[in-house]
Amino acid sequence: MSECGAYGLPLIITENGVADAADRWRGDFIRQSLSAVDRARAAGADIRGYFHWSLMDNFEWADGHEGRFGLYAVDFDHPEAPRRERESARVLAAEIAGRRR
């Protein structure tokens, strides 16, 4: 049995993300994270899910509204403003679509 599957339990990856208000690194972070999931699965890990943190910018206990983790930007000064899709949301969608083939 591989080291990845030593306990024989299925895994779900949750809250995997990076605070990046400018969305400069999140796309590469997503690609690298999903590549690591692919490698772990190939090595025998039973990974059944991946959840990016987070869909939208939110309140973080340690940082308030400063840590911008969302695939969609939220304008907390104008809560009625529409959420703005970041490029990293499109990266995640493309990575998922490429794995469904």
PDB file of N, CA and C in Angstrom:
ATOM      1  N   MET A   1       0.845  -1.174   0.000  1.00  0.00           N
ATOM      2  CA  MET A   1       0.000   0.000   0.000  1.00  0.00           C
ATOM      3  C   MET A   1       0.897   1.245   0.000  1.00  0.00           C
ATOM      4  N   SER A   2       0.492   2.249  -0.751  1.00  0.00           N
ATOM      5  CA  SER A   2       1.291   3.480  -0.829  1.00  0.00           C
ATOM      6  C   SER A   2       1.192   4.250   0.477  1.00  0.00           C
ATOM      7  N   GLU A   3       2.140   5.153   0.678  1.00  0.00           N
ATOM      8  CA  GLU A   3       2.120   5.987   1.870  1.00  0.00           C
ATOM      9  C   GLU A   3       0.854   6.832   1.922  1.00  0.00           C
ATOM     10  N   CYS A   4       0.356   7.240   0.739  1.00  0.00           N
ATOM     11  CA  CYS A   4      -0.855   8.069   0.691  1.00  0.00           C
ATOM     12  C   CYS A   4      -2.070   7.326   1.204  1.00  0.00           C
ATOM     13  N   GLY A   5      -2.122   6.035   1.017  1.00  0.00           N
ATOM     14  CA  GLY A   5      -3.293   5.272   1.410  1.00  0.00           C
ATOM     15  C   GLY A   5      -3.061   4.404   2.626  1.00  0.00           C
ATOM     16  N   ALA A   6      -2.151   4.763   3.500  1.00  0.00           N
ATOM     17  CA  ALA A   6      -1.762   3.932   4.632  1.00  0.00           C
ATOM     18  C   ALA A   6      -2.935   3.589   5.551  1.00  0.00           C
ATOM     19  N   TYR A   7      -3.895   4.486   5.715  1.00  0.00           N
ATOM     20  CA  TYR A   7      -5.012   4.239   6.610  1.00  0.00           C
ATOM     21  C   TYR A   7      -6.243   3.705   5.884  1.00  0.00           C
ATOM     22  N   GLY A   8      -6.205   3.718   4.571  1.00  0.00           N
ATOM     23  CA  GLY A   8      -7.307   3.183   3.793  1.00  0.00           C
ATOM     24  C   GLY A   8      -8.594   3.978   3.911  1.00  0.00           C
ATOM     25  N   LEU A   9      -8.506   5.245   4.255  1.00  0.00           N
ATOM     26  CA  LEU A   9      -9.700   6.065   4.413  1.00  0.00           C
ATOM     27  C   LEU A   9      -9.846   7.031   3.242  1.00  0.00           C
ATOM     28  N   PRO A  10     -11.075   7.272   2.803  1.00  0.00           N
ATOM     29  CA  PRO A  10     -11.277   8.265   1.746  1.00  0.00           C
ATOM     30  C   PRO A  10     -11.035   9.673   2.292  1.00  0.00           C
ATOM     31  N   LEU A  11     -10.606  10.569   1.418  1.00  0.00           N
ATOM     32  CA  LEU A  11     -10.301  11.943   1.799  1.00  0.00           C
ATOM     33  C   LEU A  11     -11.143  12.932   1.012  1.00  0.00           C
ATOM     34  N   ILE A  12     -11.474  14.031   1.663  1.00  0.00           N
ATOM     35  CA  ILE A  12     -12.066  15.186   1.005  1.00  0.00           C
ATOM     36  C   ILE A  12     -11.224  16.383   1.427  1.00  0.00           C
ATOM     37  N   ILE A  13     -10.713  17.118   0.464  1.00  0.00           N
ATOM     38  CA  ILE A  13      -9.888  18.288   0.746  1.00  0.00           C
ATOM     39  C   ILE A  13     -10.809  19.492   0.888  1.00  0.00           C
ATOM     40  N   THR A  14     -10.726  20.145   2.037  1.00  0.00           N
ATOM     41  CA  THR A  14     -11.595  21.292   2.301  1.00  0.00           C
ATOM     42  C   THR A  14     -10.758  22.522   2.638  1.00  0.00           C
ATOM     43  N   GLU A  15     -11.320  23.671   2.361  1.00  0.00           N
ATOM     44  CA  GLU A  15     -10.710  24.953   2.708  1.00  0.00           C
ATOM     45  C   GLU A  15      -9.277  25.081   2.209  1.00  0.00           C
ATOM     46  N   ASN A  16      -9.055  24.794   0.955  1.00  0.00           N
ATOM     47  CA  ASN A  16      -7.743  24.957   0.340  1.00  0.00           C
ATOM     48  C   ASN A  16      -7.766  26.232  -0.488  1.00  0.00           C
ATOM     49  N   GLY A  17      -7.039  27.247  -0.046  1.00  0.00           N
ATOM     50  CA  GLY A  17      -7.047  28.502  -0.775  1.00  0.00           C
ATOM     51  C   GLY A  17      -5.922  29.405  -0.341  1.00  0.00           C
ATOM     52  N   VAL A  18      -5.898  30.599  -0.912  1.00  0.00           N
ATOM     53  CA  VAL A  18      -4.860  31.575  -0.608  1.00  0.00           C
ATOM     54  C   VAL A  18      -5.481  32.974  -0.657  1.00  0.00           C
ATOM     55  N   ALA A  19      -5.096  33.812   0.320  1.00  0.00           N
ATOM     56  CA  ALA A  19      -5.558  35.195   0.327  1.00  0.00           C
ATOM     57  C   ALA A  19      -4.772  35.963  -0.731  1.00  0.00           C
ATOM     58  N   ASP A  20      -5.485  36.505  -1.711  1.00  0.00           N
ATOM     59  CA  ASP A  20      -4.829  37.169  -2.838  1.00  0.00           C
ATOM     60  C   ASP A  20      -5.806  38.164  -3.454  1.00  0.00           C
ATOM     61  N   ALA A  21      -5.911  39.336  -2.840  1.00  0.00           N
ATOM     62  CA  ALA A  21      -6.879  40.337  -3.287  1.00  0.00           C
ATOM     63  C   ALA A  21      -6.681  40.726  -4.744  1.00  0.00           C
ATOM     64  N   ALA A  22      -5.442  40.751  -5.210  1.00  0.00           N
ATOM     65  CA  ALA A  22      -5.159  41.131  -6.601  1.00  0.00           C
ATOM     66  C   ALA A  22      -5.320  39.967  -7.560  1.00  0.00           C
ATOM     67  N   ASP A  23      -5.530  38.765  -7.038  1.00  0.00           N
ATOM     68  CA  ASP A  23      -5.724  37.562  -7.870  1.00  0.00           C
ATOM     69  C   ASP A  23      -4.510  37.285  -8.766  1.00  0.00           C
ATOM     70  N   ARG A  24      -3.326  37.579  -8.244  1.00  0.00           N
ATOM     71  CA  ARG A  24      -2.088  37.337  -9.002  1.00  0.00           C
ATOM     72  C   ARG A  24      -1.612  35.898  -8.898  1.00  0.00           C
ATOM     73  N   TRP A  25      -1.791  35.277  -7.742  1.00  0.00           N
ATOM     74  CA  TRP A  25      -1.215  33.946  -7.493  1.00  0.00           C
ATOM     75  C   TRP A  25      -2.261  32.844  -7.406  1.00  0.00           C
ATOM     76  N   ARG A  26      -3.512  33.198  -7.212  1.00  0.00           N
ATOM     77  CA  ARG A  26      -4.538  32.180  -6.954  1.00  0.00           C
ATOM     78  C   ARG A  26      -4.699  31.194  -8.103  1.00  0.00           C
ATOM     79  N   GLY A  27      -4.634  31.653  -9.337  1.00  0.00           N
ATOM     80  CA  GLY A  27      -4.771  30.742 -10.477  1.00  0.00           C
ATOM     81  C   GLY A  27      -3.689  29.671 -10.473  1.00  0.00           C
ATOM     82  N   ASP A  28      -2.441  30.069 -10.285  1.00  0.00           N
ATOM     83  CA  ASP A  28      -1.352  29.093 -10.210  1.00  0.00           C
ATOM     84  C   ASP A  28      -1.485  28.203  -8.983  1.00  0.00           C
ATOM     85  N   PHE A  29      -1.930  28.779  -7.867  1.00  0.00           N
ATOM     86  CA  PHE A  29      -2.147  27.997  -6.652  1.00  0.00           C
ATOM     87  C   PHE A  29      -3.168  26.889  -6.910  1.00  0.00           C
ATOM     88  N   ILE A  30      -4.240  27.230  -7.607  1.00  0.00           N
ATOM     89  CA  ILE A  30      -5.273  26.244  -7.931  1.00  0.00           C
ATOM     90  C   ILE A  30      -4.701  25.157  -8.831  1.00  0.00           C
ATOM     91  N   ARG A  31      -3.997  25.551  -9.873  1.00  0.00           N
ATOM     92  CA  ARG A  31      -3.399  24.561 -10.786  1.00  0.00           C
ATOM     93  C   ARG A  31      -2.446  23.626 -10.044  1.00  0.00           C
ATOM     94  N   GLN A  32      -1.591  24.195  -9.199  1.00  0.00           N
ATOM     95  CA  GLN A  32      -0.629  23.377  -8.460  1.00  0.00           C
ATOM     96  C   GLN A  32      -1.322  22.476  -7.446  1.00  0.00           C
ATOM     97  N   SER A  33      -2.356  22.977  -6.796  1.00  0.00           N
ATOM     98  CA  SER A  33      -3.088  22.170  -5.821  1.00  0.00           C
ATOM     99  C   SER A  33      -3.781  20.988  -6.495  1.00  0.00           C
ATOM    100  N   LEU A  34      -4.440  21.239  -7.612  1.00  0.00           N
ATOM    101  CA  LEU A  34      -5.130  20.159  -8.302  1.00  0.00           C
ATOM    102  C   LEU A  34      -4.149  19.172  -8.931  1.00  0.00           C
ATOM    103  N   SER A  35      -2.996  19.655  -9.323  1.00  0.00           N
ATOM    104  CA  SER A  35      -1.951  18.758  -9.808  1.00  0.00           C
ATOM    105  C   SER A  35      -1.479  17.836  -8.678  1.00  0.00           C
ATOM    106  N   ALA A  36      -1.354  18.379  -7.477  1.00  0.00           N
ATOM    107  CA  ALA A  36      -0.979  17.566  -6.323  1.00  0.00           C
ATOM    108  C   ALA A  36      -2.057  16.527  -6.018  1.00  0.00           C
ATOM    109  N   VAL A  37      -3.324  16.904  -6.177  1.00  0.00           N
ATOM    110  CA  VAL A  37      -4.416  15.941  -5.996  1.00  0.00           C
ATOM    111  C   VAL A  37      -4.296  14.824  -7.029  1.00  0.00           C
ATOM    112  N   ASP A  38      -4.021  15.191  -8.272  1.00  0.00           N
ATOM    113  CA  ASP A  38      -3.841  14.181  -9.324  1.00  0.00           C
ATOM    114  C   ASP A  38      -2.714  13.215  -8.966  1.00  0.00           C
ATOM    115  N   ARG A  39      -1.585  13.754  -8.495  1.00  0.00           N
ATOM    116  CA  ARG A  39      -0.442  12.898  -8.134  1.00  0.00           C
ATOM    117  C   ARG A  39      -0.790  11.985  -6.957  1.00  0.00           C
ATOM    118  N   ALA A  40      -1.486  12.520  -5.969  1.00  0.00           N
ATOM    119  CA  ALA A  40      -1.872  11.711  -4.812  1.00  0.00           C
ATOM    120  C   ALA A  40      -2.818  10.592  -5.219  1.00  0.00           C
ATOM    121  N   ARG A  41      -3.766  10.896  -6.090  1.00  0.00           N
ATOM    122  CA  ARG A  41      -4.674   9.847  -6.580  1.00  0.00           C
ATOM    123  C   ARG A  41      -3.911   8.777  -7.346  1.00  0.00           C
ATOM    124  N   ALA A  42      -2.976   9.213  -8.178  1.00  0.00           N
ATOM    125  CA  ALA A  42      -2.171   8.257  -8.946  1.00  0.00           C
ATOM    126  C   ALA A  42      -1.336   7.373  -8.019  1.00  0.00           C
ATOM    127  N   ALA A  43      -0.983   7.915  -6.844  1.00  0.00           N
ATOM    128  CA  ALA A  43      -0.199   7.148  -5.875  1.00  0.00           C
ATOM    129  C   ALA A  43      -1.072   6.280  -4.978  1.00  0.00           C
ATOM    130  N   GLY A  44      -2.383   6.333  -5.179  1.00  0.00           N
ATOM    131  CA  GLY A  44      -3.278   5.452  -4.445  1.00  0.00           C
ATOM    132  C   GLY A  44      -4.180   6.104  -3.422  1.00  0.00           C
ATOM    133  N   ALA A  45      -4.107   7.412  -3.252  1.00  0.00           N
ATOM    134  CA  ALA A  45      -4.981   8.079  -2.291  1.00  0.00           C
ATOM    135  C   ALA A  45      -6.409   8.121  -2.827  1.00  0.00           C
ATOM    136  N   ASP A  46      -7.353   7.817  -1.980  1.00  0.00           N
ATOM    137  CA  ASP A  46      -8.772   7.821  -2.347  1.00  0.00           C
ATOM    138  C   ASP A  46      -9.350   9.204  -2.053  1.00  0.00           C
ATOM    139  N   ILE A  47      -9.070  10.144  -2.933  1.00  0.00           N
ATOM    140  CA  ILE A  47      -9.537  11.524  -2.758  1.00  0.00           C
ATOM    141  C   ILE A  47     -10.852  11.669  -3.504  1.00  0.00           C
ATOM    142  N   ARG A  48     -11.886  11.995  -2.760  1.00  0.00           N
ATOM    143  CA  ARG A  48     -13.236  12.037  -3.331  1.00  0.00           C
ATOM    144  C   ARG A  48     -13.775  13.435  -3.545  1.00  0.00           C
ATOM    145  N   GLY A  49     -13.059  14.438  -3.084  1.00  0.00           N
ATOM    146  CA  GLY A  49     -13.566  15.791  -3.275  1.00  0.00           C
ATOM    147  C   GLY A  49     -12.520  16.842  -2.992  1.00  0.00           C
ATOM    148  N   TYR A  50     -12.745  18.019  -3.555  1.00  0.00           N
ATOM    149  CA  TYR A  50     -11.873  19.170  -3.364  1.00  0.00           C
ATOM    150  C   TYR A  50     -12.763  20.401  -3.283  1.00  0.00           C
ATOM    151  N   PHE A  51     -12.608  21.171  -2.222  1.00  0.00           N
ATOM    152  CA  PHE A  51     -13.355  22.402  -2.063  1.00  0.00           C
ATOM    153  C   PHE A  51     -12.377  23.562  -1.937  1.00  0.00           C
ATOM    154  N   HIS A  52     -12.478  24.500  -2.854  1.00  0.00           N
ATOM    155  CA  HIS A  52     -11.634  25.687  -2.790  1.00  0.00           C
ATOM    156  C   HIS A  52     -12.170  26.620  -1.717  1.00  0.00           C
ATOM    157  N   TRP A  53     -11.279  27.287  -0.981  1.00  0.00           N
ATOM    158  CA  TRP A  53     -11.672  28.283   0.002  1.00  0.00           C
ATOM    159  C   TRP A  53     -11.310  29.639  -0.546  1.00  0.00           C
ATOM    160  N   SER A  54     -12.227  30.363  -0.903  1.00  0.00           N
ATOM    161  CA  SER A  54     -13.648  30.328  -0.684  1.00  0.00           C
ATOM    162  C   SER A  54     -14.343  30.802  -1.961  1.00  0.00           C
ATOM    163  N   LEU A  55     -15.634  30.570  -2.044  1.00  0.00           N
ATOM    164  CA  LEU A  55     -16.377  31.045  -3.204  1.00  0.00           C
ATOM    165  C   LEU A  55     -16.337  32.572  -3.271  1.00  0.00           C
ATOM    166  N   MET A  56     -16.593  33.216  -2.129  1.00  0.00           N
ATOM    167  CA  MET A  56     -16.609  34.680  -2.088  1.00  0.00           C
ATOM    168  C   MET A  56     -15.732  35.176  -0.946  1.00  0.00           C
ATOM    169  N   ASP A  57     -15.262  36.405  -1.081  1.00  0.00           N
ATOM    170  CA  ASP A  57     -14.560  37.034   0.036  1.00  0.00           C
ATOM    171  C   ASP A  57     -15.485  37.001   1.243  1.00  0.00           C
ATOM    172  N   ASN A  58     -14.894  36.873   2.421  1.00  0.00           N
ATOM    173  CA  ASN A  58     -15.701  36.720   3.619  1.00  0.00           C
ATOM    174  C   ASN A  58     -14.996  37.341   4.822  1.00  0.00           C
ATOM    175  N   PHE A  59     -15.559  37.135   5.986  1.00  0.00           N
ATOM    176  CA  PHE A  59     -14.960  37.590   7.231  1.00  0.00           C
ATOM    177  C   PHE A  59     -14.080  36.480   7.771  1.00  0.00           C
ATOM    178  N   GLU A  60     -12.832  36.804   8.043  1.00  0.00           N
ATOM    179  CA  GLU A  60     -11.890  35.867   8.650  1.00  0.00           C
ATOM    180  C   GLU A  60     -11.631  36.326  10.083  1.00  0.00           C
ATOM    181  N   TRP A  61     -11.686  35.415  11.027  1.00  0.00           N
ATOM    182  CA  TRP A  61     -11.552  35.787  12.440  1.00  0.00           C
ATOM    183  C   TRP A  61     -10.245  36.524  12.715  1.00  0.00           C
ATOM    184  N   ALA A  62      -9.160  36.101  12.120  1.00  0.00           N
ATOM    185  CA  ALA A  62      -7.857  36.722  12.397  1.00  0.00           C
ATOM    186  C   ALA A  62      -7.648  38.026  11.628  1.00  0.00           C
ATOM    187  N   ASP A  63      -8.282  38.161  10.458  1.00  0.00           N
ATOM    188  CA  ASP A  63      -7.992  39.297   9.573  1.00  0.00           C
ATOM    189  C   ASP A  63      -9.189  40.166   9.235  1.00  0.00           C
ATOM    190  N   GLY A  64     -10.346  39.867   9.783  1.00  0.00           N
ATOM    191  CA  GLY A  64     -11.544  40.623   9.416  1.00  0.00           C
ATOM    192  C   GLY A  64     -11.856  40.445   7.938  1.00  0.00           C
ATOM    193  N   HIS A  65     -12.059  41.552   7.238  1.00  0.00           N
ATOM    194  CA  HIS A  65     -12.348  41.503   5.804  1.00  0.00           C
ATOM    195  C   HIS A  65     -11.092  41.700   4.957  1.00  0.00           C
ATOM    196  N   GLU A  66      -9.925  41.688   5.568  1.00  0.00           N
ATOM    197  CA  GLU A  66      -8.684  41.949   4.838  1.00  0.00           C
ATOM    198  C   GLU A  66      -8.215  40.754   4.008  1.00  0.00           C
ATOM    199  N   GLY A  67      -8.341  39.551   4.500  1.00  0.00           N
ATOM    200  CA  GLY A  67      -7.920  38.365   3.753  1.00  0.00           C
ATOM    201  C   GLY A  67      -8.907  38.063   2.645  1.00  0.00           C
ATOM    202  N   ARG A  68      -8.529  38.278   1.426  1.00  0.00           N
ATOM    203  CA  ARG A  68      -9.441  38.098   0.289  1.00  0.00           C
ATOM    204  C   ARG A  68      -9.180  36.726  -0.342  1.00  0.00           C
ATOM    205  N   PHE A  69      -9.957  35.742   0.102  1.00  0.00           N
ATOM    206  CA  PHE A  69      -9.794  34.367  -0.352  1.00  0.00           C
ATOM    207  C   PHE A  69     -10.735  34.006  -1.501  1.00  0.00           C
ATOM    208  N   GLY A  70     -11.695  34.848  -1.824  1.00  0.00           N
ATOM    209  CA  GLY A  70     -12.784  34.474  -2.712  1.00  0.00           C
ATOM    210  C   GLY A  70     -12.454  34.393  -4.191  1.00  0.00           C
ATOM    211  N   LEU A  71     -13.127  33.456  -4.839  1.00  0.00           N
ATOM    212  CA  LEU A  71     -13.107  33.389  -6.298  1.00  0.00           C
ATOM    213  C   LEU A  71     -13.940  34.543  -6.864  1.00  0.00           C
ATOM    214  N   TYR A  72     -14.826  35.080  -6.030  1.00  0.00           N
ATOM    215  CA  TYR A  72     -15.637  36.247  -6.372  1.00  0.00           C
ATOM    216  C   TYR A  72     -15.345  37.338  -5.355  1.00  0.00           C
ATOM    217  N   ALA A  73     -15.080  38.547  -5.830  1.00  0.00           N
ATOM    218  CA  ALA A  73     -14.781  39.685  -4.962  1.00  0.00           C
ATOM    219  C   ALA A  73     -16.066  40.259  -4.393  1.00  0.00           C
ATOM    220  N   VAL A  74     -16.006  40.649  -3.131  1.00  0.00           N
ATOM    221  CA  VAL A  74     -17.124  41.288  -2.450  1.00  0.00           C
ATOM    222  C   VAL A  74     -16.678  42.684  -2.022  1.00  0.00           C
ATOM    223  N   ASP A  75     -17.497  43.676  -2.338  1.00  0.00           N
ATOM    224  CA  ASP A  75     -17.245  45.049  -1.910  1.00  0.00           C
ATOM    225  C   ASP A  75     -17.978  45.248  -0.583  1.00  0.00           C
ATOM    226  N   PHE A  76     -17.258  45.116   0.526  1.00  0.00           N
ATOM    227  CA  PHE A  76     -17.887  45.191   1.838  1.00  0.00           C
ATOM    228  C   PHE A  76     -18.341  46.601   2.196  1.00  0.00           C
ATOM    229  N   ASP A  77     -17.815  47.607   1.521  1.00  0.00           N
ATOM    230  CA  ASP A  77     -18.267  48.976   1.750  1.00  0.00           C
ATOM    231  C   ASP A  77     -19.599  49.248   1.060  1.00  0.00           C
ATOM    232  N   HIS A  78     -19.927  48.468   0.049  1.00  0.00           N
ATOM    233  CA  HIS A  78     -21.181  48.601  -0.698  1.00  0.00           C
ATOM    234  C   HIS A  78     -21.790  47.208  -0.869  1.00  0.00           C
ATOM    235  N   PRO A  79     -22.401  46.675   0.192  1.00  0.00           N
ATOM    236  CA  PRO A  79     -22.893  45.289   0.156  1.00  0.00           C
ATOM    237  C   PRO A  79     -23.933  45.012  -0.930  1.00  0.00           C
ATOM    238  N   GLU A  80     -24.556  46.067  -1.448  1.00  0.00           N
ATOM    239  CA  GLU A  80     -25.542  45.872  -2.516  1.00  0.00           C
ATOM    240  C   GLU A  80     -24.882  45.693  -3.883  1.00  0.00           C
ATOM    241  N   ALA A  81     -23.593  45.983  -3.961  1.00  0.00           N
ATOM    242  CA  ALA A  81     -22.874  45.868  -5.240  1.00  0.00           C
ATOM    243  C   ALA A  81     -22.773  44.398  -5.645  1.00  0.00           C
ATOM    244  N   PRO A  82     -22.850  44.135  -6.929  1.00  0.00           N
ATOM    245  CA  PRO A  82     -22.737  42.737  -7.374  1.00  0.00           C
ATOM    246  C   PRO A  82     -21.355  42.169  -7.081  1.00  0.00           C
ATOM    247  N   ARG A  83     -21.320  40.869  -6.875  1.00  0.00           N
ATOM    248  CA  ARG A  83     -20.047  40.176  -6.681  1.00  0.00           C
ATOM    249  C   ARG A  83     -19.337  40.127  -8.023  1.00  0.00           C
ATOM    250  N   ARG A  84     -18.015  40.290  -8.007  1.00  0.00           N
ATOM    251  CA  ARG A  84     -17.243  40.331  -9.249  1.00  0.00           C
ATOM    252  C   ARG A  84     -16.411  39.063  -9.376  1.00  0.00           C
ATOM    253  N   GLU A  85     -16.625  38.350 -10.472  1.00  0.00           N
ATOM    254  CA  GLU A  85     -15.865  37.131 -10.731  1.00  0.00           C
ATOM    255  C   GLU A  85     -14.399  37.475 -10.965  1.00  0.00           C
ATOM    256  N   ARG A  86     -13.518  36.740 -10.303  1.00  0.00           N
ATOM    257  CA  ARG A  86     -12.087  36.906 -10.527  1.00  0.00           C
ATOM    258  C   ARG A  86     -11.622  35.895 -11.570  1.00  0.00           C
ATOM    259  N   GLU A  87     -10.497  36.180 -12.185  1.00  0.00           N
ATOM    260  CA  GLU A  87      -9.919  35.276 -13.186  1.00  0.00           C
ATOM    261  C   GLU A  87      -9.705  33.884 -12.609  1.00  0.00           C
ATOM    262  N   SER A  88      -9.349  33.798 -11.338  1.00  0.00           N
ATOM    263  CA  SER A  88      -9.107  32.493 -10.722  1.00  0.00           C
ATOM    264  C   SER A  88     -10.361  31.613 -10.714  1.00  0.00           C
ATOM    265  N   ALA A  89     -11.544  32.211 -10.713  1.00  0.00           N
ATOM    266  CA  ALA A  89     -12.776  31.413 -10.808  1.00  0.00           C
ATOM    267  C   ALA A  89     -12.836  30.708 -12.153  1.00  0.00           C
ATOM    268  N   ARG A  90     -12.412  31.401 -13.201  1.00  0.00           N
ATOM    269  CA  ARG A  90     -12.393  30.793 -14.536  1.00  0.00           C
ATOM    270  C   ARG A  90     -11.311  29.715 -14.631  1.00  0.00           C
ATOM    271  N   VAL A  91     -10.197  29.929 -13.926  1.00  0.00           N
ATOM    272  CA  VAL A  91      -9.136  28.914 -13.899  1.00  0.00           C
ATOM    273  C   VAL A  91      -9.666  27.638 -13.251  1.00  0.00           C
ATOM    274  N   LEU A  92     -10.324  27.766 -12.114  1.00  0.00           N
ATOM    275  CA  LEU A  92     -10.875  26.588 -11.438  1.00  0.00           C
ATOM    276  C   LEU A  92     -11.898  25.881 -12.325  1.00  0.00           C
ATOM    277  N   ALA A  93     -12.770  26.632 -12.960  1.00  0.00           N
ATOM    278  CA  ALA A  93     -13.773  26.031 -13.851  1.00  0.00           C
ATOM    279  C   ALA A  93     -13.101  25.272 -14.992  1.00  0.00           C
ATOM    280  N   ALA A  94     -12.060  25.836 -15.579  1.00  0.00           N
ATOM    281  CA  ALA A  94     -11.359  25.173 -16.681  1.00  0.00           C
ATOM    282  C   ALA A  94     -10.642  23.909 -16.201  1.00  0.00           C
ATOM    283  N   GLU A  95     -10.043  23.974 -15.016  1.00  0.00           N
ATOM    284  CA  GLU A  95      -9.355  22.793 -14.462  1.00  0.00           C
ATOM    285  C   GLU A  95     -10.352  21.662 -14.199  1.00  0.00           C
ATOM    286  N   ILE A  96     -11.497  22.000 -13.676  1.00  0.00           N
ATOM    287  CA  ILE A  96     -12.537  20.992 -13.412  1.00  0.00           C
ATOM    288  C   ILE A  96     -13.036  20.406 -14.723  1.00  0.00           C
ATOM    289  N   ALA A  97     -13.322  21.274 -15.685  1.00  0.00           N
ATOM    290  CA  ALA A  97     -13.810  20.790 -16.982  1.00  0.00           C
ATOM    291  C   ALA A  97     -12.797  19.864 -17.651  1.00  0.00           C
ATOM    292  N   GLY A  98     -11.512  20.169 -17.538  1.00  0.00           N
ATOM    293  CA  GLY A  98     -10.478  19.339 -18.133  1.00  0.00           C
ATOM    294  C   GLY A  98     -10.363  17.971 -17.502  1.00  0.00           C
ATOM    295  N   ARG A  99     -10.788  17.847 -16.274  1.00  0.00           N
ATOM    296  CA  ARG A  99     -10.719  16.552 -15.563  1.00  0.00           C
ATOM    297  C   ARG A  99     -11.979  15.719 -15.786  1.00  0.00           C
ATOM    298  N   ARG A 100     -13.010  16.295 -16.309  1.00  0.00           N
ATOM    299  CA  ARG A 100     -14.256  15.552 -16.547  1.00  0.00           C
ATOM    300  C   ARG A 100     -14.226  14.758 -17.841  1.00  0.00           C
ATOM    301  N   ARG A 101     -13.256  15.006 -18.690  1.00  0.00           N
ATOM    302  CA  ARG A 101     -13.207  14.331 -19.981  1.00  0.00           C
ATOM    303  C   ARG A 101     -12.811  12.900 -19.853  1.00  0.00           C
TER     304      ARG A 101
END
